[in-house]
Amino acid sequence: MRACYALSMLRRHVLIALTALPLTAAAADPAAPVRVFVAGAPGRDAAQIERLVGETFDLDALASAALGAAPASPEQRRRLGRVIARRIAVETVARGDRNAQTVVARTKPIGAGQWLITTQTPRRNMEPLLLTWRVSDAGGALKIIDVLRDGTSSIGVQRREIATALRRQTLDAVITAMEQRYGGA
């Protein structure tokens, strides 16, 4: 019990130290936003993780990528970015192992100001979960702009879902449905 408490306090201190650091493009570690997210997510509720998503993900880039060529007002983009953050938070809580120790396994530059960060999370009686995080220099700050699992882009899936829904509904209706589904209204 004492060891669990000590580990919990260590995680909390590391998270506090990491969030105090600016995630600037000049930072030595392009994996910094991923490290902050994976260190801060375990044991948190969806609202706490949603705030963490807002700090570590580029919500404007996610909303733009999810919309594809669909026209949207600034307000619609803002609402969509918020609901995408909520979706990430809800899905993180649903899938999360409170005791999992996610580690950065690899950092690979893919162009000017862009990196792929691979993380590995051990799972009981299963292969480790491998995720690839796309990080970008977003206006001088390092931010996560996509997460890939088994080569499938989460934002690509979101874009296809939105495009399909837009064939039947307006963008406001699509966003409202997402807000209702993920509790982000």
N, C-alpha and C. Protein backbone atom coordinates (compact mmCIF):
# COMPACT_ATOMS: atom_id res chain seq x y z
N MET A 1 0.83 -1.19 0.00
CA MET A 1 0.00 0.00 0.00
C MET A 1 0.87 1.25 0.00
N ARG A 2 1.91 1.21 0.83
CA ARG A 2 2.83 2.34 0.95
C ARG A 2 3.54 2.59 -0.38
N ALA A 3 3.91 1.51 -1.08
CA ALA A 3 4.58 1.64 -2.37
C ALA A 3 3.63 2.25 -3.40
N CYS A 4 2.36 1.86 -3.37
CA CYS A 4 1.37 2.43 -4.30
C CYS A 4 1.20 3.92 -4.05
N TYR A 5 1.15 4.31 -2.78
CA TYR A 5 1.01 5.73 -2.44
C TYR A 5 2.24 6.50 -2.92
N ALA A 6 3.42 5.94 -2.68
CA ALA A 6 4.66 6.61 -3.11
C ALA A 6 4.69 6.76 -4.63
N LEU A 7 4.27 5.71 -5.36
CA LEU A 7 4.23 5.78 -6.82
C LEU A 7 3.23 6.83 -7.28
N SER A 8 2.08 6.89 -6.61
CA SER A 8 1.06 7.88 -6.95
C SER A 8 1.59 9.29 -6.73
N MET A 9 2.26 9.51 -5.63
CA MET A 9 2.83 10.84 -5.34
C MET A 9 3.93 11.18 -6.34
N LEU A 10 4.74 10.20 -6.72
CA LEU A 10 5.78 10.44 -7.70
C LEU A 10 5.16 10.83 -9.03
N ARG A 11 4.12 10.11 -9.46
CA ARG A 11 3.42 10.46 -10.71
C ARG A 11 2.90 11.89 -10.65
N ARG A 12 2.29 12.25 -9.52
CA ARG A 12 1.73 13.59 -9.36
C ARG A 12 2.83 14.65 -9.47
N HIS A 13 3.97 14.42 -8.83
CA HIS A 13 5.06 15.39 -8.87
C HIS A 13 5.65 15.49 -10.27
N VAL A 14 5.78 14.35 -10.95
CA VAL A 14 6.29 14.37 -12.33
C VAL A 14 5.32 15.13 -13.22
N LEU A 15 4.02 14.87 -13.08
CA LEU A 15 3.02 15.57 -13.88
C LEU A 15 3.08 17.07 -13.64
N ILE A 16 3.19 17.48 -12.38
CA ILE A 16 3.27 18.90 -12.06
C ILE A 16 4.52 19.50 -12.70
N ALA A 17 5.63 18.81 -12.61
CA ALA A 17 6.88 19.31 -13.20
C ALA A 17 6.76 19.39 -14.72
N LEU A 18 6.16 18.38 -15.34
CA LEU A 18 6.04 18.37 -16.79
C LEU A 18 5.09 19.46 -17.28
N THR A 19 4.00 19.68 -16.58
CA THR A 19 3.05 20.69 -17.05
C THR A 19 3.59 22.10 -16.81
N ALA A 20 4.57 22.25 -15.95
CA ALA A 20 5.17 23.56 -15.73
C ALA A 20 6.12 23.94 -16.86
N LEU A 21 6.57 22.94 -17.62
CA LEU A 21 7.48 23.21 -18.72
C LEU A 21 6.71 23.65 -19.94
N PRO A 22 7.16 24.68 -20.63
CA PRO A 22 6.49 25.06 -21.87
C PRO A 22 6.78 24.03 -22.94
N LEU A 23 5.77 23.66 -23.70
CA LEU A 23 5.95 22.68 -24.77
C LEU A 23 6.27 23.40 -26.06
N THR A 24 7.36 24.14 -26.04
CA THR A 24 7.74 24.93 -27.21
C THR A 24 8.45 24.06 -28.22
N ALA A 25 8.44 24.52 -29.46
CA ALA A 25 9.11 23.78 -30.53
C ALA A 25 10.60 23.72 -30.29
N ALA A 26 11.12 24.66 -29.52
CA ALA A 26 12.54 24.66 -29.22
C ALA A 26 12.89 23.63 -28.15
N ALA A 27 11.87 23.02 -27.54
CA ALA A 27 12.13 22.02 -26.51
C ALA A 27 12.93 20.86 -27.10
N ALA A 28 13.77 20.30 -26.28
CA ALA A 28 14.65 19.23 -26.75
C ALA A 28 13.89 17.94 -27.06
N ASP A 29 12.72 17.77 -26.51
CA ASP A 29 12.00 16.51 -26.64
C ASP A 29 10.68 16.67 -27.38
N PRO A 30 10.62 16.29 -28.66
CA PRO A 30 9.35 16.41 -29.39
C PRO A 30 8.27 15.49 -28.83
N ALA A 31 8.64 14.54 -27.99
CA ALA A 31 7.65 13.65 -27.37
C ALA A 31 7.04 14.26 -26.11
N ALA A 32 7.44 15.48 -25.76
CA ALA A 32 6.97 16.10 -24.52
C ALA A 32 5.45 16.13 -24.38
N PRO A 33 4.66 16.55 -25.39
CA PRO A 33 3.21 16.56 -25.17
C PRO A 33 2.64 15.16 -24.96
N VAL A 34 3.23 14.16 -25.60
CA VAL A 34 2.77 12.77 -25.41
C VAL A 34 3.11 12.33 -23.98
N ARG A 35 4.32 12.63 -23.54
CA ARG A 35 4.72 12.27 -22.17
C ARG A 35 3.80 12.93 -21.14
N VAL A 36 3.47 14.20 -21.35
CA VAL A 36 2.58 14.91 -20.42
C VAL A 36 1.21 14.24 -20.41
N PHE A 37 0.69 13.91 -21.60
CA PHE A 37 -0.63 13.28 -21.67
C PHE A 37 -0.64 11.92 -21.00
N VAL A 38 0.31 11.04 -21.34
CA VAL A 38 0.28 9.68 -20.79
C VAL A 38 0.62 9.66 -19.30
N ALA A 39 1.37 10.65 -18.82
CA ALA A 39 1.65 10.72 -17.39
C ALA A 39 0.45 11.26 -16.63
N GLY A 40 -0.32 12.12 -17.26
CA GLY A 40 -1.43 12.77 -16.56
C GLY A 40 -2.75 12.06 -16.66
N ALA A 41 -2.92 11.14 -17.62
CA ALA A 41 -4.23 10.52 -17.85
C ALA A 41 -4.60 9.42 -16.85
N PRO A 42 -3.69 8.52 -16.44
CA PRO A 42 -4.12 7.42 -15.57
C PRO A 42 -4.72 7.91 -14.26
N GLY A 43 -5.86 7.32 -13.91
CA GLY A 43 -6.51 7.64 -12.65
C GLY A 43 -7.31 8.92 -12.64
N ARG A 44 -7.43 9.58 -13.78
CA ARG A 44 -8.17 10.83 -13.85
C ARG A 44 -9.57 10.58 -14.41
N ASP A 45 -10.49 11.48 -14.11
CA ASP A 45 -11.83 11.36 -14.69
C ASP A 45 -11.85 12.08 -16.04
N ALA A 46 -12.96 11.94 -16.75
CA ALA A 46 -13.06 12.49 -18.11
C ALA A 46 -12.87 14.00 -18.14
N ALA A 47 -13.40 14.72 -17.16
CA ALA A 47 -13.25 16.18 -17.15
C ALA A 47 -11.79 16.59 -16.98
N GLN A 48 -11.07 15.89 -16.12
CA GLN A 48 -9.64 16.19 -15.93
C GLN A 48 -8.85 15.86 -17.19
N ILE A 49 -9.17 14.74 -17.81
CA ILE A 49 -8.46 14.35 -19.03
C ILE A 49 -8.81 15.32 -20.16
N GLU A 50 -10.04 15.78 -20.20
CA GLU A 50 -10.43 16.75 -21.23
C GLU A 50 -9.58 18.02 -21.13
N ARG A 51 -9.33 18.49 -19.92
CA ARG A 51 -8.45 19.66 -19.74
C ARG A 51 -7.03 19.33 -20.21
N LEU A 52 -6.57 18.13 -19.92
CA LEU A 52 -5.24 17.69 -20.35
C LEU A 52 -5.17 17.61 -21.87
N VAL A 53 -6.23 17.15 -22.51
CA VAL A 53 -6.29 17.12 -23.97
C VAL A 53 -6.16 18.55 -24.51
N GLY A 54 -6.86 19.49 -23.90
CA GLY A 54 -6.78 20.88 -24.34
C GLY A 54 -5.37 21.45 -24.26
N GLU A 55 -4.59 20.97 -23.31
CA GLU A 55 -3.21 21.44 -23.15
C GLU A 55 -2.24 20.77 -24.11
N THR A 56 -2.50 19.53 -24.48
CA THR A 56 -1.51 18.75 -25.22
C THR A 56 -1.86 18.49 -26.69
N PHE A 57 -3.13 18.66 -27.06
CA PHE A 57 -3.57 18.43 -28.43
C PHE A 57 -3.86 19.78 -29.09
N ASP A 58 -3.68 19.86 -30.39
CA ASP A 58 -4.04 21.05 -31.17
C ASP A 58 -5.49 20.87 -31.62
N LEU A 59 -6.42 21.39 -30.84
CA LEU A 59 -7.84 21.19 -31.10
C LEU A 59 -8.29 21.86 -32.40
N ASP A 60 -7.69 22.99 -32.75
CA ASP A 60 -8.03 23.63 -34.02
C ASP A 60 -7.64 22.75 -35.20
N ALA A 61 -6.44 22.18 -35.13
CA ALA A 61 -5.98 21.29 -36.21
C ALA A 61 -6.85 20.04 -36.28
N LEU A 62 -7.24 19.49 -35.12
CA LEU A 62 -8.10 18.30 -35.11
C LEU A 62 -9.46 18.61 -35.74
N ALA A 63 -10.04 19.75 -35.38
CA ALA A 63 -11.34 20.13 -35.94
C ALA A 63 -11.24 20.33 -37.44
N SER A 64 -10.20 21.02 -37.89
CA SER A 64 -10.02 21.25 -39.33
C SER A 64 -9.84 19.94 -40.08
N ALA A 65 -9.02 19.04 -39.53
CA ALA A 65 -8.79 17.75 -40.18
C ALA A 65 -10.06 16.91 -40.19
N ALA A 66 -10.83 16.96 -39.10
CA ALA A 66 -12.07 16.18 -39.03
C ALA A 66 -13.11 16.69 -40.01
N LEU A 67 -13.10 17.99 -40.26
CA LEU A 67 -14.06 18.58 -41.19
C LEU A 67 -13.71 18.29 -42.65
N GLY A 68 -12.42 18.10 -42.92
CA GLY A 68 -12.02 17.92 -44.31
C GLY A 68 -12.38 19.17 -45.09
N ALA A 69 -13.07 19.00 -46.22
CA ALA A 69 -13.44 20.13 -47.08
C ALA A 69 -14.77 20.77 -46.68
N ALA A 70 -15.43 20.24 -45.65
CA ALA A 70 -16.73 20.79 -45.25
C ALA A 70 -16.57 22.20 -44.71
N PRO A 71 -17.39 23.13 -45.19
CA PRO A 71 -17.32 24.50 -44.68
C PRO A 71 -17.85 24.56 -43.25
N ALA A 72 -17.24 25.44 -42.45
CA ALA A 72 -17.67 25.60 -41.06
C ALA A 72 -17.34 27.00 -40.58
N SER A 73 -18.18 27.52 -39.73
CA SER A 73 -17.92 28.83 -39.11
C SER A 73 -16.89 28.64 -38.00
N PRO A 74 -16.28 29.74 -37.55
CA PRO A 74 -15.35 29.63 -36.41
C PRO A 74 -16.01 29.01 -35.17
N GLU A 75 -17.26 29.36 -34.93
CA GLU A 75 -17.98 28.80 -33.77
C GLU A 75 -18.16 27.28 -33.93
N GLN A 76 -18.52 26.83 -35.14
CA GLN A 76 -18.67 25.40 -35.37
C GLN A 76 -17.34 24.67 -35.19
N ARG A 77 -16.24 25.26 -35.66
CA ARG A 77 -14.91 24.66 -35.48
C ARG A 77 -14.56 24.57 -33.99
N ARG A 78 -14.88 25.63 -33.25
CA ARG A 78 -14.59 25.64 -31.81
C ARG A 78 -15.39 24.55 -31.10
N ARG A 79 -16.69 24.46 -31.41
CA ARG A 79 -17.54 23.42 -30.81
C ARG A 79 -17.05 22.03 -31.17
N LEU A 80 -16.66 21.84 -32.43
CA LEU A 80 -16.18 20.53 -32.86
C LEU A 80 -14.87 20.20 -32.14
N GLY A 81 -13.97 21.15 -32.01
CA GLY A 81 -12.72 20.91 -31.28
C GLY A 81 -12.98 20.51 -29.84
N ARG A 82 -13.94 21.18 -29.20
CA ARG A 82 -14.31 20.84 -27.81
C ARG A 82 -14.87 19.43 -27.71
N VAL A 83 -15.75 19.06 -28.64
CA VAL A 83 -16.36 17.73 -28.55
C VAL A 83 -15.34 16.64 -28.91
N ILE A 84 -14.39 16.94 -29.78
CA ILE A 84 -13.33 15.97 -30.06
C ILE A 84 -12.48 15.77 -28.80
N ALA A 85 -12.20 16.84 -28.09
CA ALA A 85 -11.45 16.72 -26.82
C ALA A 85 -12.22 15.86 -25.84
N ARG A 86 -13.53 16.08 -25.77
CA ARG A 86 -14.37 15.28 -24.86
C ARG A 86 -14.37 13.81 -25.28
N ARG A 87 -14.43 13.55 -26.58
CA ARG A 87 -14.42 12.18 -27.08
C ARG A 87 -13.11 11.49 -26.71
N ILE A 88 -12.00 12.16 -26.89
CA ILE A 88 -10.69 11.59 -26.52
C ILE A 88 -10.69 11.26 -25.03
N ALA A 89 -11.20 12.18 -24.21
CA ALA A 89 -11.23 11.97 -22.76
C ALA A 89 -12.10 10.78 -22.39
N VAL A 90 -13.31 10.71 -22.93
CA VAL A 90 -14.24 9.62 -22.62
C VAL A 90 -13.65 8.28 -23.05
N GLU A 91 -13.07 8.24 -24.25
CA GLU A 91 -12.49 6.99 -24.75
C GLU A 91 -11.23 6.60 -23.97
N THR A 92 -10.48 7.59 -23.49
CA THR A 92 -9.30 7.30 -22.68
C THR A 92 -9.71 6.67 -21.35
N VAL A 93 -10.74 7.22 -20.72
CA VAL A 93 -11.23 6.67 -19.46
C VAL A 93 -11.77 5.25 -19.68
N ALA A 94 -12.52 5.05 -20.76
CA ALA A 94 -13.13 3.75 -21.03
C ALA A 94 -12.08 2.67 -21.27
N ARG A 95 -10.98 3.03 -21.91
CA ARG A 95 -9.97 2.04 -22.27
C ARG A 95 -8.87 1.94 -21.22
N GLY A 96 -8.80 2.92 -20.33
CA GLY A 96 -7.65 3.07 -19.46
C GLY A 96 -7.48 2.03 -18.39
N ASP A 97 -6.23 1.65 -18.21
CA ASP A 97 -5.81 0.83 -17.08
C ASP A 97 -5.13 1.80 -16.12
N ARG A 98 -5.71 1.97 -14.95
CA ARG A 98 -5.20 2.96 -14.00
C ARG A 98 -3.74 2.73 -13.62
N ASN A 99 -3.27 1.50 -13.75
CA ASN A 99 -1.91 1.19 -13.32
C ASN A 99 -0.95 0.99 -14.48
N ALA A 100 -1.40 1.19 -15.71
CA ALA A 100 -0.55 0.96 -16.87
C ALA A 100 0.60 1.96 -16.89
N GLN A 101 1.75 1.47 -17.27
CA GLN A 101 2.94 2.31 -17.36
C GLN A 101 3.30 2.49 -18.82
N THR A 102 2.74 3.50 -19.45
CA THR A 102 3.01 3.77 -20.86
C THR A 102 4.38 4.41 -20.99
N VAL A 103 5.16 3.92 -21.95
CA VAL A 103 6.50 4.48 -22.18
C VAL A 103 6.64 4.87 -23.64
N VAL A 104 7.43 5.91 -23.87
CA VAL A 104 7.75 6.31 -25.24
C VAL A 104 8.81 5.33 -25.74
N ALA A 105 8.49 4.64 -26.82
CA ALA A 105 9.40 3.64 -27.36
C ALA A 105 10.25 4.18 -28.50
N ARG A 106 9.72 5.19 -29.22
CA ARG A 106 10.44 5.67 -30.40
C ARG A 106 9.96 7.06 -30.78
N THR A 107 10.88 7.88 -31.24
CA THR A 107 10.57 9.19 -31.78
C THR A 107 11.19 9.27 -33.17
N LYS A 108 10.36 9.60 -34.16
CA LYS A 108 10.84 9.64 -35.54
C LYS A 108 10.43 10.95 -36.21
N PRO A 109 11.40 11.75 -36.67
CA PRO A 109 11.01 12.96 -37.41
C PRO A 109 10.44 12.58 -38.77
N ILE A 110 9.39 13.30 -39.18
CA ILE A 110 8.76 12.99 -40.48
C ILE A 110 8.70 14.21 -41.38
N GLY A 111 9.36 15.25 -41.00
CA GLY A 111 9.38 16.48 -41.79
C GLY A 111 9.65 17.65 -40.87
N ALA A 112 9.71 18.82 -41.46
CA ALA A 112 9.97 20.02 -40.67
C ALA A 112 8.86 20.22 -39.64
N GLY A 113 9.23 20.19 -38.37
CA GLY A 113 8.26 20.44 -37.31
C GLY A 113 7.24 19.34 -37.12
N GLN A 114 7.52 18.11 -37.55
CA GLN A 114 6.57 17.00 -37.42
C GLN A 114 7.31 15.74 -36.94
N TRP A 115 6.69 15.02 -36.02
CA TRP A 115 7.28 13.79 -35.50
C TRP A 115 6.20 12.74 -35.30
N LEU A 116 6.62 11.48 -35.36
CA LEU A 116 5.79 10.35 -34.95
C LEU A 116 6.40 9.81 -33.66
N ILE A 117 5.58 9.71 -32.64
CA ILE A 117 6.01 9.23 -31.34
C ILE A 117 5.27 7.92 -31.08
N THR A 118 6.00 6.83 -30.90
CA THR A 118 5.38 5.54 -30.63
C THR A 118 5.46 5.26 -29.14
N THR A 119 4.31 4.91 -28.56
CA THR A 119 4.27 4.53 -27.14
C THR A 119 3.86 3.08 -27.02
N GLN A 120 4.26 2.50 -25.91
CA GLN A 120 3.95 1.10 -25.63
C GLN A 120 3.37 1.01 -24.22
N THR A 121 2.22 0.35 -24.13
CA THR A 121 1.55 0.17 -22.85
C THR A 121 1.33 -1.31 -22.61
N PRO A 122 1.94 -1.88 -21.56
CA PRO A 122 1.72 -3.30 -21.30
C PRO A 122 0.27 -3.57 -20.91
N ARG A 123 -0.21 -4.74 -21.33
CA ARG A 123 -1.58 -5.17 -20.98
C ARG A 123 -1.52 -6.61 -20.47
N ARG A 124 -2.37 -6.90 -19.51
CA ARG A 124 -2.40 -8.25 -18.95
C ARG A 124 -2.83 -9.28 -19.98
N ASN A 125 -2.04 -10.34 -20.10
CA ASN A 125 -2.35 -11.49 -20.97
C ASN A 125 -2.61 -11.09 -22.42
N MET A 126 -2.03 -9.99 -22.85
CA MET A 126 -2.21 -9.52 -24.22
C MET A 126 -0.90 -8.89 -24.69
N GLU A 127 -0.83 -8.69 -25.99
CA GLU A 127 0.30 -7.95 -26.54
C GLU A 127 0.22 -6.51 -26.03
N PRO A 128 1.36 -5.83 -25.90
CA PRO A 128 1.32 -4.43 -25.48
C PRO A 128 0.54 -3.58 -26.49
N LEU A 129 -0.10 -2.55 -26.00
CA LEU A 129 -0.81 -1.60 -26.86
C LEU A 129 0.22 -0.63 -27.41
N LEU A 130 0.32 -0.58 -28.74
CA LEU A 130 1.22 0.36 -29.41
C LEU A 130 0.38 1.45 -30.05
N LEU A 131 0.68 2.68 -29.71
CA LEU A 131 0.03 3.83 -30.33
C LEU A 131 1.11 4.70 -30.94
N THR A 132 0.77 5.32 -32.06
CA THR A 132 1.67 6.28 -32.70
C THR A 132 0.99 7.63 -32.67
N TRP A 133 1.65 8.59 -32.10
CA TRP A 133 1.13 9.94 -31.91
C TRP A 133 1.82 10.85 -32.90
N ARG A 134 1.06 11.62 -33.63
CA ARG A 134 1.65 12.60 -34.56
C ARG A 134 1.71 13.94 -33.83
N VAL A 135 2.92 14.47 -33.73
CA VAL A 135 3.15 15.72 -33.02
C VAL A 135 3.64 16.75 -34.02
N SER A 136 3.15 17.98 -33.85
CA SER A 136 3.51 19.06 -34.76
C SER A 136 3.89 20.30 -33.98
N ASP A 137 4.72 21.12 -34.60
CA ASP A 137 5.03 22.44 -34.07
C ASP A 137 3.86 23.32 -34.48
N ALA A 138 2.95 23.53 -33.56
CA ALA A 138 1.73 24.31 -33.83
C ALA A 138 1.95 25.75 -33.38
N GLY A 139 2.48 26.55 -34.28
CA GLY A 139 2.68 27.97 -33.97
C GLY A 139 3.65 28.19 -32.82
N GLY A 140 4.70 27.41 -32.76
CA GLY A 140 5.71 27.58 -31.73
C GLY A 140 5.55 26.68 -30.53
N ALA A 141 4.48 25.89 -30.48
CA ALA A 141 4.26 24.95 -29.38
C ALA A 141 4.07 23.55 -29.94
N LEU A 142 4.63 22.57 -29.26
CA LEU A 142 4.47 21.19 -29.69
C LEU A 142 3.11 20.69 -29.24
N LYS A 143 2.32 20.16 -30.19
CA LYS A 143 0.98 19.66 -29.89
C LYS A 143 0.74 18.36 -30.64
N ILE A 144 -0.10 17.51 -30.06
CA ILE A 144 -0.52 16.26 -30.69
C ILE A 144 -1.61 16.59 -31.71
N ILE A 145 -1.47 16.06 -32.94
CA ILE A 145 -2.47 16.33 -33.96
C ILE A 145 -3.16 15.07 -34.48
N ASP A 146 -2.73 13.90 -34.02
CA ASP A 146 -3.40 12.66 -34.41
C ASP A 146 -2.84 11.52 -33.56
N VAL A 147 -3.64 10.47 -33.43
CA VAL A 147 -3.20 9.24 -32.77
C VAL A 147 -3.57 8.09 -33.69
N LEU A 148 -2.60 7.22 -33.94
CA LEU A 148 -2.83 6.08 -34.83
C LEU A 148 -2.72 4.78 -34.03
N ARG A 149 -3.64 3.88 -34.29
CA ARG A 149 -3.60 2.55 -33.70
C ARG A 149 -3.65 1.55 -34.84
N ASP A 150 -2.67 0.68 -34.88
CA ASP A 150 -2.55 -0.29 -35.97
C ASP A 150 -2.59 0.40 -37.33
N GLY A 151 -1.98 1.57 -37.41
CA GLY A 151 -1.90 2.30 -38.66
C GLY A 151 -3.14 3.09 -39.03
N THR A 152 -4.18 3.02 -38.21
CA THR A 152 -5.43 3.73 -38.50
C THR A 152 -5.46 5.06 -37.74
N SER A 153 -5.64 6.13 -38.48
CA SER A 153 -5.67 7.47 -37.93
C SER A 153 -7.01 7.72 -37.24
N SER A 154 -6.96 8.16 -35.98
CA SER A 154 -8.21 8.46 -35.27
C SER A 154 -8.92 9.65 -35.90
N ILE A 155 -8.16 10.63 -36.36
CA ILE A 155 -8.80 11.80 -36.97
C ILE A 155 -9.34 11.45 -38.36
N GLY A 156 -8.71 10.50 -39.06
CA GLY A 156 -9.23 10.02 -40.33
C GLY A 156 -10.58 9.32 -40.15
N VAL A 157 -10.68 8.52 -39.09
CA VAL A 157 -11.95 7.85 -38.77
C VAL A 157 -13.01 8.90 -38.46
N GLN A 158 -12.62 9.90 -37.67
CA GLN A 158 -13.56 10.98 -37.32
C GLN A 158 -14.04 11.71 -38.57
N ARG A 159 -13.10 12.00 -39.50
CA ARG A 159 -13.45 12.70 -40.74
C ARG A 159 -14.46 11.89 -41.55
N ARG A 160 -14.25 10.58 -41.66
CA ARG A 160 -15.19 9.73 -42.42
C ARG A 160 -16.57 9.70 -41.74
N GLU A 161 -16.58 9.62 -40.41
CA GLU A 161 -17.86 9.63 -39.68
C GLU A 161 -18.62 10.93 -39.92
N ILE A 162 -17.91 12.04 -39.85
CA ILE A 162 -18.55 13.34 -40.05
C ILE A 162 -19.03 13.48 -41.49
N ALA A 163 -18.22 13.09 -42.45
CA ALA A 163 -18.62 13.18 -43.87
C ALA A 163 -19.88 12.36 -44.13
N THR A 164 -19.94 11.17 -43.55
CA THR A 164 -21.13 10.33 -43.72
C THR A 164 -22.35 10.99 -43.09
N ALA A 165 -22.20 11.53 -41.89
CA ALA A 165 -23.32 12.17 -41.20
C ALA A 165 -23.78 13.44 -41.94
N LEU A 166 -22.83 14.15 -42.56
CA LEU A 166 -23.19 15.39 -43.28
C LEU A 166 -24.03 15.13 -44.52
N ARG A 167 -24.07 13.90 -44.99
CA ARG A 167 -24.94 13.57 -46.13
C ARG A 167 -26.41 13.60 -45.73
N ARG A 168 -26.68 13.47 -44.42
CA ARG A 168 -28.06 13.40 -43.93
C ARG A 168 -28.46 14.59 -43.05
N GLN A 169 -27.45 15.31 -42.49
CA GLN A 169 -27.75 16.36 -41.52
C GLN A 169 -26.86 17.58 -41.74
N THR A 170 -27.22 18.65 -41.08
CA THR A 170 -26.37 19.85 -41.12
C THR A 170 -25.19 19.64 -40.17
N LEU A 171 -24.17 20.48 -40.31
CA LEU A 171 -23.01 20.39 -39.42
C LEU A 171 -23.41 20.66 -37.98
N ASP A 172 -24.28 21.63 -37.75
CA ASP A 172 -24.73 21.89 -36.38
C ASP A 172 -25.39 20.66 -35.77
N ALA A 173 -26.21 19.96 -36.54
CA ALA A 173 -26.87 18.75 -36.05
C ALA A 173 -25.85 17.65 -35.75
N VAL A 174 -24.83 17.52 -36.59
CA VAL A 174 -23.79 16.51 -36.38
C VAL A 174 -23.04 16.81 -35.09
N ILE A 175 -22.66 18.07 -34.89
CA ILE A 175 -21.92 18.45 -33.69
C ILE A 175 -22.79 18.26 -32.45
N THR A 176 -24.07 18.63 -32.54
CA THR A 176 -24.98 18.46 -31.41
C THR A 176 -25.11 16.98 -31.04
N ALA A 177 -25.21 16.12 -32.05
CA ALA A 177 -25.30 14.68 -31.78
C ALA A 177 -24.03 14.18 -31.09
N MET A 178 -22.88 14.68 -31.53
CA MET A 178 -21.63 14.28 -30.88
C MET A 178 -21.58 14.80 -29.44
N GLU A 179 -22.03 16.03 -29.22
CA GLU A 179 -22.06 16.59 -27.86
C GLU A 179 -22.96 15.74 -26.96
N GLN A 180 -24.09 15.31 -27.49
CA GLN A 180 -24.99 14.48 -26.69
C GLN A 180 -24.36 13.12 -26.39
N ARG A 181 -23.70 12.55 -27.39
CA ARG A 181 -23.07 11.23 -27.21
C ARG A 181 -21.93 11.26 -26.19
N TYR A 182 -21.10 12.31 -26.24
CA TYR A 182 -19.93 12.35 -25.37
C TYR A 182 -20.09 13.29 -24.18
N GLY A 183 -21.26 13.89 -24.04
CA GLY A 183 -21.52 14.74 -22.88
C GLY A 183 -20.81 16.08 -22.94
N GLY A 184 -20.54 16.58 -24.13
CA GLY A 184 -19.79 17.83 -24.23
C GLY A 184 -20.62 19.03 -24.55
N ALA A 185 -21.93 18.98 -24.36
CA ALA A 185 -22.79 20.13 -24.69
C ALA A 185 -22.59 21.27 -23.74
